[in-house]
Amino acid sequence: MAYFAELEFGIVTQVIVVGNSDCANGILPDADIVGGAFITNLGLAGLWKFSEETDGKQRYNSACIGFTYDTARDAFIAPKPYPSWALDENVMGWFAPVPMPSEGGPWVWDEATLSWFLTP
């Protein structure tokens, strides 16, 4: 099984499952073309991008509703959780300017002080 994300203005609005045989077995770029045509033939108009197969990841992250698809990076990226966090382009994930402590927890980020604190 393969997952496809519908994009509206670069934002994922829904994710559906498509059989591997209906999307060139998840091989890019054919998966986008073949899978997109299959989905359109089902009557689901829109722009569809292959997200991943059940046995491996492509495009860094599994597409989820609200994620952005970045065409330049060919990646699905989660919404930025806080203004101070930066995108690590090696993994296409967001990271705080201060690493979360490895001891104790659970920790919560405080954007006002740019630090982690223990939840009560």
N, C-alpha and C. Protein backbone atom coordinates (compact mmCIF):
# COMPACT_ATOMS: atom_id res chain seq x y z
N MET A 1 0.83 -1.18 0.00
CA MET A 1 0.00 0.00 0.00
C MET A 1 0.88 1.24 0.00
N ALA A 2 0.38 2.28 -0.65
CA ALA A 2 1.10 3.54 -0.73
C ALA A 2 0.17 4.66 -0.28
N TYR A 3 0.76 5.75 0.18
CA TYR A 3 0.00 6.89 0.67
C TYR A 3 0.21 8.08 -0.26
N PHE A 4 -0.89 8.77 -0.54
CA PHE A 4 -0.85 9.95 -1.38
C PHE A 4 -1.47 11.11 -0.63
N ALA A 5 -0.86 12.28 -0.79
CA ALA A 5 -1.33 13.49 -0.14
C ALA A 5 -1.93 14.44 -1.17
N GLU A 6 -3.10 14.97 -0.86
CA GLU A 6 -3.68 16.01 -1.71
C GLU A 6 -3.13 17.34 -1.23
N LEU A 7 -2.71 18.18 -2.18
CA LEU A 7 -2.13 19.46 -1.86
C LEU A 7 -3.01 20.60 -2.36
N GLU A 8 -3.22 21.58 -1.51
CA GLU A 8 -3.86 22.83 -1.89
C GLU A 8 -2.94 23.95 -1.46
N PHE A 9 -2.39 24.65 -2.45
CA PHE A 9 -1.42 25.71 -2.20
C PHE A 9 -0.23 25.22 -1.38
N GLY A 10 0.19 23.97 -1.65
CA GLY A 10 1.35 23.40 -0.98
C GLY A 10 1.07 22.81 0.39
N ILE A 11 -0.17 22.84 0.85
CA ILE A 11 -0.53 22.31 2.17
C ILE A 11 -1.30 21.00 1.98
N VAL A 12 -0.97 20.00 2.78
CA VAL A 12 -1.65 18.71 2.72
C VAL A 12 -3.05 18.86 3.33
N THR A 13 -4.07 18.50 2.53
CA THR A 13 -5.45 18.62 2.99
C THR A 13 -6.08 17.26 3.29
N GLN A 14 -5.55 16.20 2.69
CA GLN A 14 -6.00 14.85 3.01
C GLN A 14 -4.95 13.86 2.54
N VAL A 15 -4.99 12.67 3.13
CA VAL A 15 -4.07 11.59 2.78
C VAL A 15 -4.92 10.34 2.54
N ILE A 16 -4.64 9.66 1.42
CA ILE A 16 -5.39 8.45 1.09
C ILE A 16 -4.43 7.31 0.80
N VAL A 17 -4.96 6.08 0.80
CA VAL A 17 -4.17 4.88 0.52
C VAL A 17 -4.49 4.41 -0.89
N VAL A 18 -3.44 4.02 -1.62
CA VAL A 18 -3.56 3.52 -2.99
C VAL A 18 -2.73 2.24 -3.07
N GLY A 19 -3.22 1.27 -3.80
CA GLY A 19 -2.48 0.03 -3.99
C GLY A 19 -1.20 0.27 -4.77
N ASN A 20 -0.14 -0.46 -4.43
CA ASN A 20 1.15 -0.29 -5.10
C ASN A 20 1.05 -0.44 -6.60
N SER A 21 0.24 -1.38 -7.07
CA SER A 21 0.13 -1.61 -8.51
C SER A 21 -0.54 -0.45 -9.22
N ASP A 22 -1.21 0.43 -8.47
CA ASP A 22 -1.89 1.58 -9.07
C ASP A 22 -1.03 2.84 -9.04
N CYS A 23 0.21 2.70 -8.58
CA CYS A 23 1.07 3.89 -8.50
C CYS A 23 2.53 3.57 -8.83
N ALA A 24 2.73 2.69 -9.81
CA ALA A 24 4.09 2.35 -10.27
C ALA A 24 4.95 1.82 -9.13
N ASN A 25 4.31 1.12 -8.21
CA ASN A 25 4.99 0.51 -7.06
C ASN A 25 5.80 1.50 -6.24
N GLY A 26 5.36 2.75 -6.21
CA GLY A 26 6.01 3.76 -5.37
C GLY A 26 7.35 4.24 -5.86
N ILE A 27 7.64 4.05 -7.15
CA ILE A 27 8.93 4.49 -7.70
C ILE A 27 8.75 5.90 -8.27
N LEU A 28 9.48 6.83 -7.68
CA LEU A 28 9.40 8.22 -8.14
C LEU A 28 10.26 8.43 -9.37
N PRO A 29 9.90 9.31 -10.30
CA PRO A 29 8.75 10.20 -10.27
C PRO A 29 7.47 9.55 -10.81
N ASP A 30 7.57 8.31 -11.29
CA ASP A 30 6.40 7.65 -11.88
C ASP A 30 5.25 7.53 -10.91
N ALA A 31 5.53 7.34 -9.62
CA ALA A 31 4.46 7.17 -8.63
C ALA A 31 3.54 8.39 -8.62
N ASP A 32 4.12 9.60 -8.70
CA ASP A 32 3.30 10.81 -8.72
C ASP A 32 2.40 10.83 -9.95
N ILE A 33 2.96 10.48 -11.09
CA ILE A 33 2.22 10.56 -12.36
C ILE A 33 1.16 9.47 -12.43
N VAL A 34 1.57 8.22 -12.25
CA VAL A 34 0.65 7.09 -12.38
C VAL A 34 -0.39 7.11 -11.26
N GLY A 35 0.07 7.32 -10.02
CA GLY A 35 -0.85 7.36 -8.89
C GLY A 35 -1.80 8.54 -8.98
N GLY A 36 -1.29 9.69 -9.40
CA GLY A 36 -2.14 10.87 -9.56
C GLY A 36 -3.23 10.65 -10.59
N ALA A 37 -2.87 10.00 -11.71
CA ALA A 37 -3.87 9.69 -12.75
C ALA A 37 -4.90 8.70 -12.22
N PHE A 38 -4.46 7.70 -11.47
CA PHE A 38 -5.38 6.72 -10.89
C PHE A 38 -6.38 7.41 -9.96
N ILE A 39 -5.88 8.29 -9.10
CA ILE A 39 -6.73 9.00 -8.15
C ILE A 39 -7.72 9.91 -8.89
N THR A 40 -7.23 10.61 -9.90
CA THR A 40 -8.12 11.47 -10.69
C THR A 40 -9.21 10.65 -11.36
N ASN A 41 -8.86 9.47 -11.88
CA ASN A 41 -9.86 8.59 -12.51
C ASN A 41 -10.90 8.11 -11.51
N LEU A 42 -10.58 8.11 -10.23
CA LEU A 42 -11.56 7.77 -9.20
C LEU A 42 -12.54 8.91 -8.94
N GLY A 43 -12.24 10.07 -9.53
CA GLY A 43 -13.11 11.22 -9.35
C GLY A 43 -12.64 12.19 -8.28
N LEU A 44 -11.42 12.00 -7.82
CA LEU A 44 -10.86 12.89 -6.80
C LEU A 44 -9.92 13.88 -7.48
N ALA A 45 -10.45 15.03 -7.83
CA ALA A 45 -9.65 16.05 -8.51
C ALA A 45 -8.65 16.65 -7.52
N GLY A 46 -7.64 17.29 -8.05
CA GLY A 46 -6.66 17.95 -7.20
C GLY A 46 -5.25 17.54 -7.56
N LEU A 47 -4.31 18.09 -6.84
CA LEU A 47 -2.90 17.75 -7.02
C LEU A 47 -2.52 16.74 -5.96
N TRP A 48 -2.02 15.59 -6.38
CA TRP A 48 -1.68 14.50 -5.47
C TRP A 48 -0.19 14.19 -5.55
N LYS A 49 0.43 14.00 -4.40
CA LYS A 49 1.85 13.64 -4.32
C LYS A 49 2.00 12.35 -3.53
N PHE A 50 2.86 11.48 -4.04
CA PHE A 50 3.20 10.25 -3.35
C PHE A 50 3.89 10.60 -2.05
N SER A 51 3.47 9.97 -0.96
CA SER A 51 4.08 10.25 0.33
C SER A 51 5.04 9.13 0.73
N GLU A 52 4.53 7.91 0.81
CA GLU A 52 5.38 6.80 1.20
C GLU A 52 4.67 5.48 0.97
N GLU A 53 5.45 4.43 1.05
CA GLU A 53 4.91 3.08 1.05
C GLU A 53 4.89 2.61 2.50
N THR A 54 4.19 1.53 2.76
CA THR A 54 4.12 1.02 4.12
C THR A 54 5.46 0.47 4.61
N ASP A 55 6.36 0.12 3.69
CA ASP A 55 7.62 -0.49 4.12
C ASP A 55 8.82 0.45 4.04
N GLY A 56 8.61 1.72 3.83
CA GLY A 56 9.74 2.64 3.77
C GLY A 56 9.29 4.06 3.56
N LYS A 57 10.15 5.01 3.90
CA LYS A 57 9.77 6.42 3.78
C LYS A 57 10.43 7.05 2.56
N GLN A 58 9.71 7.99 1.99
CA GLN A 58 10.24 8.84 0.94
C GLN A 58 9.80 10.25 1.28
N ARG A 59 10.53 11.21 0.77
CA ARG A 59 10.21 12.62 0.99
C ARG A 59 10.29 12.98 2.47
N TYR A 60 11.21 12.35 3.18
CA TYR A 60 11.60 12.64 4.56
C TYR A 60 10.55 12.30 5.62
N ASN A 61 9.34 12.79 5.48
CA ASN A 61 8.30 12.58 6.49
C ASN A 61 7.04 12.05 5.83
N SER A 62 6.28 11.29 6.56
CA SER A 62 4.97 10.88 6.08
C SER A 62 4.09 12.11 6.01
N ALA A 63 3.35 12.24 4.93
CA ALA A 63 2.45 13.39 4.79
C ALA A 63 1.33 13.28 5.82
N CYS A 64 1.04 14.38 6.47
CA CYS A 64 -0.08 14.48 7.42
C CYS A 64 -0.82 15.76 7.10
N ILE A 65 -2.11 15.77 7.40
CA ILE A 65 -2.91 16.97 7.16
C ILE A 65 -2.27 18.15 7.90
N GLY A 66 -2.12 19.25 7.17
CA GLY A 66 -1.49 20.45 7.73
C GLY A 66 -0.01 20.58 7.42
N PHE A 67 0.64 19.51 6.97
CA PHE A 67 2.04 19.58 6.58
C PHE A 67 2.16 20.39 5.29
N THR A 68 3.34 20.92 5.04
CA THR A 68 3.66 21.61 3.80
C THR A 68 4.46 20.67 2.91
N TYR A 69 4.20 20.73 1.61
CA TYR A 69 5.07 20.03 0.67
C TYR A 69 5.98 21.07 0.06
N ASP A 70 7.27 20.92 0.28
CA ASP A 70 8.28 21.85 -0.22
C ASP A 70 8.84 21.28 -1.52
N THR A 71 8.52 21.92 -2.65
CA THR A 71 8.94 21.39 -3.95
C THR A 71 10.45 21.44 -4.12
N ALA A 72 11.09 22.48 -3.63
CA ALA A 72 12.54 22.61 -3.78
C ALA A 72 13.29 21.51 -3.04
N ARG A 73 12.78 21.12 -1.88
CA ARG A 73 13.42 20.08 -1.08
C ARG A 73 12.82 18.70 -1.33
N ASP A 74 11.72 18.65 -2.09
CA ASP A 74 10.98 17.42 -2.34
C ASP A 74 10.69 16.70 -1.02
N ALA A 75 10.08 17.47 -0.10
CA ALA A 75 9.87 16.95 1.25
C ALA A 75 8.54 17.44 1.84
N PHE A 76 7.95 16.59 2.67
CA PHE A 76 6.82 16.98 3.49
C PHE A 76 7.38 17.47 4.82
N ILE A 77 6.92 18.66 5.25
CA ILE A 77 7.46 19.28 6.45
C ILE A 77 6.31 19.64 7.39
N ALA A 78 6.46 19.25 8.65
CA ALA A 78 5.45 19.56 9.67
C ALA A 78 5.38 21.07 9.89
N PRO A 79 4.26 21.56 10.41
CA PRO A 79 4.18 22.99 10.74
C PRO A 79 5.24 23.36 11.78
N LYS A 80 5.77 24.55 11.67
CA LYS A 80 6.78 25.03 12.62
C LYS A 80 6.11 25.21 13.98
N PRO A 81 6.62 24.53 15.03
CA PRO A 81 5.93 24.58 16.32
C PRO A 81 6.10 25.90 17.07
N TYR A 82 7.24 26.55 16.92
CA TYR A 82 7.52 27.80 17.62
C TYR A 82 8.36 28.69 16.71
N PRO A 83 8.23 30.01 16.82
CA PRO A 83 9.00 30.92 15.97
C PRO A 83 10.52 30.75 16.08
N SER A 84 11.02 30.38 17.25
CA SER A 84 12.47 30.29 17.45
C SER A 84 13.09 29.00 16.91
N TRP A 85 12.27 28.03 16.58
CA TRP A 85 12.80 26.74 16.15
C TRP A 85 13.30 26.82 14.70
N ALA A 86 14.30 26.00 14.40
CA ALA A 86 14.92 26.01 13.07
C ALA A 86 14.75 24.64 12.41
N LEU A 87 14.70 24.67 11.10
CA LEU A 87 14.55 23.45 10.32
C LEU A 87 15.91 22.82 10.09
N ASP A 88 16.05 21.56 10.47
CA ASP A 88 17.25 20.79 10.16
C ASP A 88 17.01 20.13 8.80
N GLU A 89 17.68 20.62 7.78
CA GLU A 89 17.44 20.14 6.43
C GLU A 89 17.95 18.72 6.19
N ASN A 90 18.71 18.18 7.10
CA ASN A 90 19.16 16.80 6.95
C ASN A 90 18.04 15.81 7.24
N VAL A 91 17.12 16.20 8.10
CA VAL A 91 16.01 15.32 8.47
C VAL A 91 14.64 15.96 8.21
N MET A 92 14.63 17.22 7.80
CA MET A 92 13.40 17.99 7.56
C MET A 92 12.49 17.98 8.78
N GLY A 93 13.11 18.25 9.93
CA GLY A 93 12.38 18.33 11.19
C GLY A 93 12.79 19.60 11.92
N TRP A 94 11.92 20.06 12.82
CA TRP A 94 12.15 21.29 13.58
C TRP A 94 12.85 21.00 14.89
N PHE A 95 13.78 21.90 15.26
CA PHE A 95 14.53 21.72 16.49
C PHE A 95 14.64 23.04 17.24
N ALA A 96 14.56 22.95 18.56
CA ALA A 96 14.65 24.12 19.43
C ALA A 96 16.07 24.68 19.39
N PRO A 97 16.23 25.98 19.69
CA PRO A 97 17.57 26.57 19.72
C PRO A 97 18.42 26.04 20.88
N VAL A 98 17.76 25.43 21.86
CA VAL A 98 18.44 24.81 23.00
C VAL A 98 17.99 23.35 23.04
N PRO A 99 18.92 22.41 23.04
CA PRO A 99 18.50 21.00 23.07
C PRO A 99 17.71 20.67 24.33
N MET A 100 16.72 19.79 24.17
CA MET A 100 15.93 19.35 25.31
C MET A 100 16.82 18.53 26.25
N PRO A 101 16.73 18.75 27.56
CA PRO A 101 17.53 17.95 28.50
C PRO A 101 17.23 16.46 28.34
N SER A 102 18.25 15.67 28.50
CA SER A 102 18.08 14.22 28.33
C SER A 102 17.65 13.54 29.63
N GLU A 103 17.80 14.20 30.76
CA GLU A 103 17.43 13.63 32.06
C GLU A 103 16.10 14.20 32.52
N GLY A 104 15.37 13.39 33.26
CA GLY A 104 14.11 13.86 33.82
C GLY A 104 13.03 14.00 32.77
N GLY A 105 12.08 14.86 33.07
CA GLY A 105 11.00 15.11 32.13
C GLY A 105 9.66 14.72 32.73
N PRO A 106 8.59 14.94 32.10
CA PRO A 106 8.52 15.44 30.72
C PRO A 106 8.80 16.94 30.63
N TRP A 107 9.44 17.32 29.54
CA TRP A 107 9.85 18.69 29.30
C TRP A 107 8.90 19.38 28.34
N VAL A 108 8.71 20.69 28.56
CA VAL A 108 7.87 21.51 27.70
C VAL A 108 8.67 22.75 27.32
N TRP A 109 8.56 23.14 26.06
CA TRP A 109 9.28 24.32 25.57
C TRP A 109 8.55 25.60 25.98
N ASP A 110 9.31 26.61 26.47
CA ASP A 110 8.76 27.92 26.80
C ASP A 110 9.35 28.93 25.82
N GLU A 111 8.54 29.36 24.90
CA GLU A 111 9.01 30.27 23.85
C GLU A 111 9.43 31.63 24.42
N ALA A 112 8.77 32.10 25.48
CA ALA A 112 9.08 33.41 26.06
C ALA A 112 10.50 33.47 26.61
N THR A 113 10.96 32.38 27.22
CA THR A 113 12.31 32.36 27.80
C THR A 113 13.31 31.57 26.97
N LEU A 114 12.83 30.97 25.87
CA LEU A 114 13.66 30.13 25.01
C LEU A 114 14.37 29.04 25.83
N SER A 115 13.57 28.36 26.65
CA SER A 115 14.14 27.30 27.49
C SER A 115 13.10 26.21 27.74
N TRP A 116 13.59 25.09 28.24
CA TRP A 116 12.75 23.95 28.59
C TRP A 116 12.41 24.02 30.07
N PHE A 117 11.22 23.58 30.43
CA PHE A 117 10.88 23.46 31.84
C PHE A 117 10.12 22.17 32.06
N LEU A 118 10.20 21.70 33.30
CA LEU A 118 9.50 20.48 33.67
C LEU A 118 8.01 20.76 33.85
N THR A 119 7.18 19.87 33.36
CA THR A 119 5.76 20.04 33.57
C THR A 119 5.44 19.69 35.03
N PRO A 120 4.47 20.39 35.63
CA PRO A 120 4.14 20.13 37.04
C PRO A 120 3.49 18.76 37.22
